[in-house]
Amino acid sequence: MIINSYQSKNVDIFVFIRDLLQTITEDYVYSKAYSLGEGVKEIIKDPKIWENGSIPSEDTIQTMINEVVKSGAAKTRNYKKWILGYGLVLLCAIFDDFLNDLLEEILTKNIEFTRWNNKQEIMDKFKEGTIKYKYKVFVNKLGFSESEFFDFKMFIPRIQLKHAGVNLAKLIDIYKKRNHAAHSDSYVIYTIEELEEIKDLFEKLIWNLSRKSKDKWNVEFKLV
């Protein structure tokens, strides 16, 4: 298993999201909002949309335009939160891909596991499962303890301290946010620092699970 491919994708997505956020400046917000206002102004001043061709007064028109600009600016500022949510969706997708690929390699190297089910059926169910289900496959079927799954001892003390106490509940919470971001307009992450923390956690879990799987189940472990 070449783990750098997953780590590179994590970094690429984070950098893409970070750089995209930087384009949502106040100048961009107001440029977008005022363009909406100008579009509304053209419509409002068309006599055909008003009964008897009676166009509202300039003050009324300007009030309507101001409301459109205000609403447009607020919506455009929310682009940042949407972008962060989509970043979370992508990071979770990469971690899912890693877990899927890791399980498939373990089953390939250790065919005795396919005695409890057909390999393709195992993989299909695993790919469709929640993060809780996937975790339980690693714990109940592959012999990982929770402390092994969330083992950060290979990293420097600062990293160990940063992720101390991370457990299944933390992963479930991340994936709940991911689901909200994917299926609704809910805002689940508000800063790039929050997204970076999740990216870092996934990177460390990928390193740990790859090393543990090499030791436990003879899965090939490569950086490049």
C-alpha atoms as a PDB file:
ATOM      1  CA  MET A   1       0.000   0.000   0.000  1.00  0.00           C
ATOM      2  CA  ILE A   2       1.446   3.358  -1.048  1.00  0.00           C
ATOM      3  CA  ILE A   3       0.223   5.700   1.655  1.00  0.00           C
ATOM      4  CA  ASN A   4       1.684   8.892   0.188  1.00  0.00           C
ATOM      5  CA  SER A   5      -1.015   8.859  -2.483  1.00  0.00           C
ATOM      6  CA  TYR A   6      -3.659   9.386   0.213  1.00  0.00           C
ATOM      7  CA  GLN A   7      -1.563  11.917   2.087  1.00  0.00           C
ATOM      8  CA  SER A   8      -0.905  13.886  -1.088  1.00  0.00           C
ATOM      9  CA  LYS A   9      -4.619  14.039  -1.826  1.00  0.00           C
ATOM     10  CA  ASN A  10      -5.271  15.283   1.711  1.00  0.00           C
ATOM     11  CA  VAL A  11      -2.739  18.069   1.279  1.00  0.00           C
ATOM     12  CA  ASP A  12      -3.939  18.971  -2.215  1.00  0.00           C
ATOM     13  CA  ILE A  13      -7.533  19.294  -1.053  1.00  0.00           C
ATOM     14  CA  PHE A  14      -6.583  21.351   1.975  1.00  0.00           C
ATOM     15  CA  VAL A  15      -4.445  23.735  -0.079  1.00  0.00           C
ATOM     16  CA  PHE A  16      -7.195  24.041  -2.709  1.00  0.00           C
ATOM     17  CA  ILE A  17      -9.824  24.868  -0.070  1.00  0.00           C
ATOM     18  CA  ARG A  18      -7.502  27.288   1.746  1.00  0.00           C
ATOM     19  CA  ASP A  19      -6.644  29.140  -1.466  1.00  0.00           C
ATOM     20  CA  LEU A  20     -10.265  29.208  -2.598  1.00  0.00           C
ATOM     21  CA  LEU A  21     -11.298  30.773   0.715  1.00  0.00           C
ATOM     22  CA  GLN A  22      -8.815  33.578   0.147  1.00  0.00           C
ATOM     23  CA  THR A  23     -10.713  34.637  -2.981  1.00  0.00           C
ATOM     24  CA  ILE A  24     -13.827  35.460  -0.911  1.00  0.00           C
ATOM     25  CA  THR A  25     -12.683  38.959   0.061  1.00  0.00           C
ATOM     26  CA  GLU A  26     -14.974  41.854   0.983  1.00  0.00           C
ATOM     27  CA  ASP A  27     -14.265  43.329  -2.446  1.00  0.00           C
ATOM     28  CA  TYR A  28     -15.499  40.113  -4.024  1.00  0.00           C
ATOM     29  CA  VAL A  29     -18.554  40.026  -1.731  1.00  0.00           C
ATOM     30  CA  TYR A  30     -19.657  43.542  -2.631  1.00  0.00           C
ATOM     31  CA  SER A  31     -18.825  43.153  -6.305  1.00  0.00           C
ATOM     32  CA  LYS A  32     -21.081  40.114  -6.437  1.00  0.00           C
ATOM     33  CA  ALA A  33     -23.807  41.810  -4.379  1.00  0.00           C
ATOM     34  CA  TYR A  34     -23.829  45.006  -6.442  1.00  0.00           C
ATOM     35  CA  SER A  35     -24.000  43.048  -9.678  1.00  0.00           C
ATOM     36  CA  LEU A  36     -27.142  41.390  -8.329  1.00  0.00           C
ATOM     37  CA  GLY A  37     -28.512  44.810  -7.458  1.00  0.00           C
ATOM     38  CA  GLU A  38     -27.868  46.129 -10.950  1.00  0.00           C
ATOM     39  CA  GLY A  39     -29.667  43.154 -12.440  1.00  0.00           C
ATOM     40  CA  VAL A  40     -32.690  43.780 -10.251  1.00  0.00           C
ATOM     41  CA  LYS A  41     -32.660  47.484 -11.145  1.00  0.00           C
ATOM     42  CA  GLU A  42     -32.970  46.665 -14.852  1.00  0.00           C
ATOM     43  CA  ILE A  43     -35.966  44.427 -14.157  1.00  0.00           C
ATOM     44  CA  ILE A  44     -37.699  46.887 -11.829  1.00  0.00           C
ATOM     45  CA  LYS A  45     -37.440  49.724 -14.327  1.00  0.00           C
ATOM     46  CA  ASP A  46     -39.207  47.707 -17.011  1.00  0.00           C
ATOM     47  CA  PRO A  47     -42.766  49.153 -17.243  1.00  0.00           C
ATOM     48  CA  LYS A  48     -44.099  45.845 -18.570  1.00  0.00           C
ATOM     49  CA  ILE A  49     -43.814  44.149 -15.156  1.00  0.00           C
ATOM     50  CA  TRP A  50     -45.960  46.782 -13.410  1.00  0.00           C
ATOM     51  CA  GLU A  51     -49.724  47.200 -13.597  1.00  0.00           C
ATOM     52  CA  ASN A  52     -50.588  50.056 -15.946  1.00  0.00           C
ATOM     53  CA  GLY A  53     -46.870  50.554 -16.521  1.00  0.00           C
ATOM     54  CA  SER A  54     -46.600  52.456 -13.237  1.00  0.00           C
ATOM     55  CA  ILE A  55     -42.942  52.258 -12.235  1.00  0.00           C
ATOM     56  CA  PRO A  56     -42.250  52.784  -8.484  1.00  0.00           C
ATOM     57  CA  SER A  57     -40.550  55.933  -7.310  1.00  0.00           C
ATOM     58  CA  GLU A  58     -36.761  56.208  -7.344  1.00  0.00           C
ATOM     59  CA  ASP A  59     -36.685  55.981  -3.537  1.00  0.00           C
ATOM     60  CA  THR A  60     -38.745  52.775  -3.588  1.00  0.00           C
ATOM     61  CA  ILE A  61     -36.563  51.296  -6.323  1.00  0.00           C
ATOM     62  CA  GLN A  62     -33.400  52.157  -4.406  1.00  0.00           C
ATOM     63  CA  THR A  63     -34.801  50.577  -1.225  1.00  0.00           C
ATOM     64  CA  MET A  64     -35.546  47.377  -3.124  1.00  0.00           C
ATOM     65  CA  ILE A  65     -32.073  47.354  -4.649  1.00  0.00           C
ATOM     66  CA  ASN A  66     -30.457  47.952  -1.249  1.00  0.00           C
ATOM     67  CA  GLU A  67     -32.277  44.930   0.158  1.00  0.00           C
ATOM     68  CA  VAL A  68     -31.074  42.775  -2.726  1.00  0.00           C
ATOM     69  CA  VAL A  69     -27.478  43.981  -2.229  1.00  0.00           C
ATOM     70  CA  LYS A  70     -27.649  43.341   1.522  1.00  0.00           C
ATOM     71  CA  SER A  71     -29.072  39.853   1.026  1.00  0.00           C
ATOM     72  CA  GLY A  72     -26.568  39.075  -1.738  1.00  0.00           C
ATOM     73  CA  ALA A  73     -23.623  40.159   0.407  1.00  0.00           C
ATOM     74  CA  ALA A  74     -24.756  37.962   3.305  1.00  0.00           C
ATOM     75  CA  LYS A  75     -25.208  34.969   1.028  1.00  0.00           C
ATOM     76  CA  THR A  76     -21.819  35.486  -0.639  1.00  0.00           C
ATOM     77  CA  ARG A  77     -20.062  35.663   2.729  1.00  0.00           C
ATOM     78  CA  ASN A  78     -21.549  32.254   3.462  1.00  0.00           C
ATOM     79  CA  TYR A  79     -19.576  30.845   0.527  1.00  0.00           C
ATOM     80  CA  LYS A  80     -16.701  30.460   2.980  1.00  0.00           C
ATOM     81  CA  LYS A  81     -18.707  28.127   5.197  1.00  0.00           C
ATOM     82  CA  TRP A  82     -19.960  26.135   2.227  1.00  0.00           C
ATOM     83  CA  ILE A  83     -16.429  25.789   0.851  1.00  0.00           C
ATOM     84  CA  LEU A  84     -15.186  24.491   4.211  1.00  0.00           C
ATOM     85  CA  GLY A  85     -18.049  21.990   4.333  1.00  0.00           C
ATOM     86  CA  TYR A  86     -17.235  20.694   0.867  1.00  0.00           C
ATOM     87  CA  GLY A  87     -13.594  20.385   1.954  1.00  0.00           C
ATOM     88  CA  LEU A  88     -14.714  18.159   4.821  1.00  0.00           C
ATOM     89  CA  VAL A  89     -16.726  15.994   2.427  1.00  0.00           C
ATOM     90  CA  LEU A  90     -13.638  15.492   0.257  1.00  0.00           C
ATOM     91  CA  LEU A  91     -11.327  14.700   3.193  1.00  0.00           C
ATOM     92  CA  CYS A  92     -13.756  12.080   4.491  1.00  0.00           C
ATOM     93  CA  ALA A  93     -13.978  10.575   0.998  1.00  0.00           C
ATOM     94  CA  ILE A  94     -10.195  10.125   0.906  1.00  0.00           C
ATOM     95  CA  PHE A  95     -10.160   8.514   4.338  1.00  0.00           C
ATOM     96  CA  ASP A  96     -12.964   6.185   3.222  1.00  0.00           C
ATOM     97  CA  ASP A  97     -10.954   5.254   0.131  1.00  0.00           C
ATOM     98  CA  PHE A  98      -7.957   4.481   2.310  1.00  0.00           C
ATOM     99  CA  LEU A  99      -9.971   2.241   4.652  1.00  0.00           C
ATOM    100  CA  ASN A 100     -11.554   0.464   1.680  1.00  0.00           C
ATOM    101  CA  ASP A 101      -8.210  -0.143  -0.004  1.00  0.00           C
ATOM    102  CA  LEU A 102      -6.578  -1.228   3.253  1.00  0.00           C
ATOM    103  CA  LEU A 103      -9.278  -3.797   3.992  1.00  0.00           C
ATOM    104  CA  GLU A 104      -9.064  -5.168   0.459  1.00  0.00           C
ATOM    105  CA  GLU A 105      -5.303  -5.623   0.808  1.00  0.00           C
ATOM    106  CA  ILE A 106      -5.728  -7.348   4.175  1.00  0.00           C
ATOM    107  CA  LEU A 107      -8.295  -9.751   2.684  1.00  0.00           C
ATOM    108  CA  THR A 108      -6.054 -10.419  -0.299  1.00  0.00           C
ATOM    109  CA  LYS A 109      -3.038 -11.197   1.888  1.00  0.00           C
ATOM    110  CA  ASN A 110      -5.057 -13.178   4.451  1.00  0.00           C
ATOM    111  CA  ILE A 111      -7.623 -15.266   2.617  1.00  0.00           C
ATOM    112  CA  GLU A 112      -8.774 -16.922   5.859  1.00  0.00           C
ATOM    113  CA  PHE A 113     -10.869 -13.805   6.493  1.00  0.00           C
ATOM    114  CA  THR A 114     -12.997 -14.559   3.460  1.00  0.00           C
ATOM    115  CA  ARG A 115     -14.282 -17.665   5.219  1.00  0.00           C
ATOM    116  CA  TRP A 116     -16.743 -15.532   7.115  1.00  0.00           C
ATOM    117  CA  ASN A 117     -18.108 -14.214   3.815  1.00  0.00           C
ATOM    118  CA  ASN A 118     -17.367 -13.793   0.145  1.00  0.00           C
ATOM    119  CA  LYS A 119     -14.654 -11.183  -0.404  1.00  0.00           C
ATOM    120  CA  GLN A 120     -16.724  -9.079  -2.797  1.00  0.00           C
ATOM    121  CA  GLU A 121     -19.696  -9.153  -0.455  1.00  0.00           C
ATOM    122  CA  ILE A 122     -17.455  -8.081   2.414  1.00  0.00           C
ATOM    123  CA  MET A 123     -16.081  -5.174   0.397  1.00  0.00           C
ATOM    124  CA  ASP A 124     -19.479  -4.080  -0.918  1.00  0.00           C
ATOM    125  CA  LYS A 125     -20.959  -3.987   2.573  1.00  0.00           C
ATOM    126  CA  PHE A 126     -17.895  -2.241   3.956  1.00  0.00           C
ATOM    127  CA  LYS A 127     -17.956   0.500   1.312  1.00  0.00           C
ATOM    128  CA  GLU A 128     -21.630   1.185   1.963  1.00  0.00           C
ATOM    129  CA  GLY A 129     -21.221   1.144   5.746  1.00  0.00           C
ATOM    130  CA  THR A 130     -20.996   4.044   8.157  1.00  0.00           C
ATOM    131  CA  ILE A 131     -17.716   4.987   9.776  1.00  0.00           C
ATOM    132  CA  LYS A 132     -18.927   3.189  12.912  1.00  0.00           C
ATOM    133  CA  TYR A 133     -19.499  -0.001  10.920  1.00  0.00           C
ATOM    134  CA  LYS A 134     -16.072   0.273   9.271  1.00  0.00           C
ATOM    135  CA  TYR A 135     -14.405   0.777  12.636  1.00  0.00           C
ATOM    136  CA  LYS A 136     -16.168  -2.294  14.029  1.00  0.00           C
ATOM    137  CA  VAL A 137     -14.918  -4.408  11.124  1.00  0.00           C
ATOM    138  CA  PHE A 138     -11.349  -3.454  12.048  1.00  0.00           C
ATOM    139  CA  VAL A 139     -11.963  -4.132  15.734  1.00  0.00           C
ATOM    140  CA  ASN A 140     -14.265  -7.169  15.676  1.00  0.00           C
ATOM    141  CA  LYS A 141     -12.966  -8.932  12.556  1.00  0.00           C
ATOM    142  CA  LEU A 142      -9.367  -7.793  12.163  1.00  0.00           C
ATOM    143  CA  GLY A 143      -8.301  -7.749  15.807  1.00  0.00           C
ATOM    144  CA  PHE A 144      -7.550  -4.048  16.260  1.00  0.00           C
ATOM    145  CA  SER A 145      -8.184  -2.705  19.750  1.00  0.00           C
ATOM    146  CA  GLU A 146      -9.423   0.856  20.129  1.00  0.00           C
ATOM    147  CA  SER A 147      -6.041   1.877  21.556  1.00  0.00           C
ATOM    148  CA  GLU A 148      -4.300   0.384  18.508  1.00  0.00           C
ATOM    149  CA  PHE A 149      -6.686   2.030  16.051  1.00  0.00           C
ATOM    150  CA  PHE A 150      -6.107   5.434  17.674  1.00  0.00           C
ATOM    151  CA  ASP A 151      -2.432   4.967  18.503  1.00  0.00           C
ATOM    152  CA  PHE A 152      -0.312   8.108  18.011  1.00  0.00           C
ATOM    153  CA  LYS A 153       2.780   6.998  19.926  1.00  0.00           C
ATOM    154  CA  MET A 154       4.905   6.901  16.771  1.00  0.00           C
ATOM    155  CA  PHE A 155       4.608  10.687  16.501  1.00  0.00           C
ATOM    156  CA  ILE A 156       6.378  13.445  18.416  1.00  0.00           C
ATOM    157  CA  PRO A 157       4.955  14.456  21.825  1.00  0.00           C
ATOM    158  CA  ARG A 158       3.252  17.554  20.415  1.00  0.00           C
ATOM    159  CA  ILE A 159       1.224  15.392  17.998  1.00  0.00           C
ATOM    160  CA  GLN A 160       0.468  12.831  20.694  1.00  0.00           C
ATOM    161  CA  LEU A 161      -0.864  15.593  22.938  1.00  0.00           C
ATOM    162  CA  LYS A 162      -2.860  17.174  20.103  1.00  0.00           C
ATOM    163  CA  HIS A 163      -4.773  13.955  19.405  1.00  0.00           C
ATOM    164  CA  ALA A 164      -4.939  12.617  22.948  1.00  0.00           C
ATOM    165  CA  GLY A 165      -8.408  11.296  23.694  1.00  0.00           C
ATOM    166  CA  VAL A 166      -9.419  10.854  20.042  1.00  0.00           C
ATOM    167  CA  ASN A 167     -11.762   7.886  19.792  1.00  0.00           C
ATOM    168  CA  LEU A 168     -14.642   6.454  17.784  1.00  0.00           C
ATOM    169  CA  ALA A 169     -17.012   9.141  19.074  1.00  0.00           C
ATOM    170  CA  LYS A 170     -14.722  11.796  17.552  1.00  0.00           C
ATOM    171  CA  LEU A 171     -14.769  10.054  14.169  1.00  0.00           C
ATOM    172  CA  ILE A 172     -18.544   9.677  14.286  1.00  0.00           C
ATOM    173  CA  ASP A 173     -18.890  13.393  15.053  1.00  0.00           C
ATOM    174  CA  ILE A 174     -16.685  14.298  12.072  1.00  0.00           C
ATOM    175  CA  TYR A 175     -18.771  12.117   9.774  1.00  0.00           C
ATOM    176  CA  LYS A 176     -22.022  13.559  11.124  1.00  0.00           C
ATOM    177  CA  LYS A 177     -20.750  16.987  10.123  1.00  0.00           C
ATOM    178  CA  ARG A 178     -19.716  15.555   6.775  1.00  0.00           C
ATOM    179  CA  ASN A 179     -23.242  14.238   6.203  1.00  0.00           C
ATOM    180  CA  HIS A 180     -24.815  17.568   7.113  1.00  0.00           C
ATOM    181  CA  ALA A 181     -22.496  19.355   4.703  1.00  0.00           C
ATOM    182  CA  ALA A 182     -23.230  16.886   1.905  1.00  0.00           C
ATOM    183  CA  HIS A 183     -27.009  16.747   2.251  1.00  0.00           C
ATOM    184  CA  SER A 184     -28.080  20.148   3.510  1.00  0.00           C
ATOM    185  CA  ASP A 185     -27.143  23.825   3.688  1.00  0.00           C
ATOM    186  CA  SER A 186     -25.973  23.384   7.270  1.00  0.00           C
ATOM    187  CA  TYR A 187     -22.744  25.092   8.247  1.00  0.00           C
ATOM    188  CA  VAL A 188     -20.553  22.568  10.040  1.00  0.00           C
ATOM    189  CA  ILE A 189     -17.054  24.093   9.980  1.00  0.00           C
ATOM    190  CA  TYR A 190     -16.367  27.784  10.407  1.00  0.00           C
ATOM    191  CA  THR A 191     -12.582  28.135  10.123  1.00  0.00           C
ATOM    192  CA  ILE A 192      -9.755  26.756   8.026  1.00  0.00           C
ATOM    193  CA  GLU A 193      -8.054  25.763  11.302  1.00  0.00           C
ATOM    194  CA  GLU A 194     -10.883  23.325  12.078  1.00  0.00           C
ATOM    195  CA  LEU A 195     -10.495  21.730   8.657  1.00  0.00           C
ATOM    196  CA  GLU A 196      -6.722  21.532   9.078  1.00  0.00           C
ATOM    197  CA  GLU A 197      -7.140  19.712  12.398  1.00  0.00           C
ATOM    198  CA  ILE A 198      -9.333  17.075  10.730  1.00  0.00           C
ATOM    199  CA  LYS A 199      -6.885  16.740   7.832  1.00  0.00           C
ATOM    200  CA  ASP A 200      -4.052  16.211  10.309  1.00  0.00           C
ATOM    201  CA  LEU A 201      -6.031  13.593  12.236  1.00  0.00           C
ATOM    202  CA  PHE A 202      -6.786  11.621   9.063  1.00  0.00           C
ATOM    203  CA  GLU A 203      -3.131  11.785   8.023  1.00  0.00           C
ATOM    204  CA  LYS A 204      -1.985  10.398  11.364  1.00  0.00           C
ATOM    205  CA  LEU A 205      -4.618   7.641  11.316  1.00  0.00           C
ATOM    206  CA  ILE A 206      -3.516   6.634   7.808  1.00  0.00           C
ATOM    207  CA  TRP A 207       0.090   6.358   8.985  1.00  0.00           C
ATOM    208  CA  ASN A 208      -0.840   4.411  12.097  1.00  0.00           C
ATOM    209  CA  LEU A 209      -3.258   1.968  10.471  1.00  0.00           C
ATOM    210  CA  SER A 210      -0.845   1.287   7.613  1.00  0.00           C
ATOM    211  CA  ARG A 211       1.970   0.446  10.032  1.00  0.00           C
ATOM    212  CA  LYS A 212      -0.282  -1.636  12.254  1.00  0.00           C
ATOM    213  CA  SER A 213      -1.663  -3.572   9.275  1.00  0.00           C
ATOM    214  CA  LYS A 214       1.858  -4.318   8.090  1.00  0.00           C
ATOM    215  CA  ASP A 215       2.731  -5.789  11.467  1.00  0.00           C
ATOM    216  CA  LYS A 216      -0.573  -7.624  12.001  1.00  0.00           C
ATOM    217  CA  TRP A 217      -1.548  -8.803   8.546  1.00  0.00           C
ATOM    218  CA  ASN A 218       1.568  -8.567   6.361  1.00  0.00           C
ATOM    219  CA  VAL A 219       0.177  -5.705   4.254  1.00  0.00           C
ATOM    220  CA  GLU A 220       2.889  -4.106   2.152  1.00  0.00           C
ATOM    221  CA  PHE A 221       3.771  -0.641   3.436  1.00  0.00           C
ATOM    222  CA  LYS A 222       5.342   1.879   1.055  1.00  0.00           C
ATOM    223  CA  LEU A 223       5.806   5.624   1.069  1.00  0.00           C
ATOM    224  CA  VAL A 224       6.165   6.000  -2.707  1.00  0.00           C
END
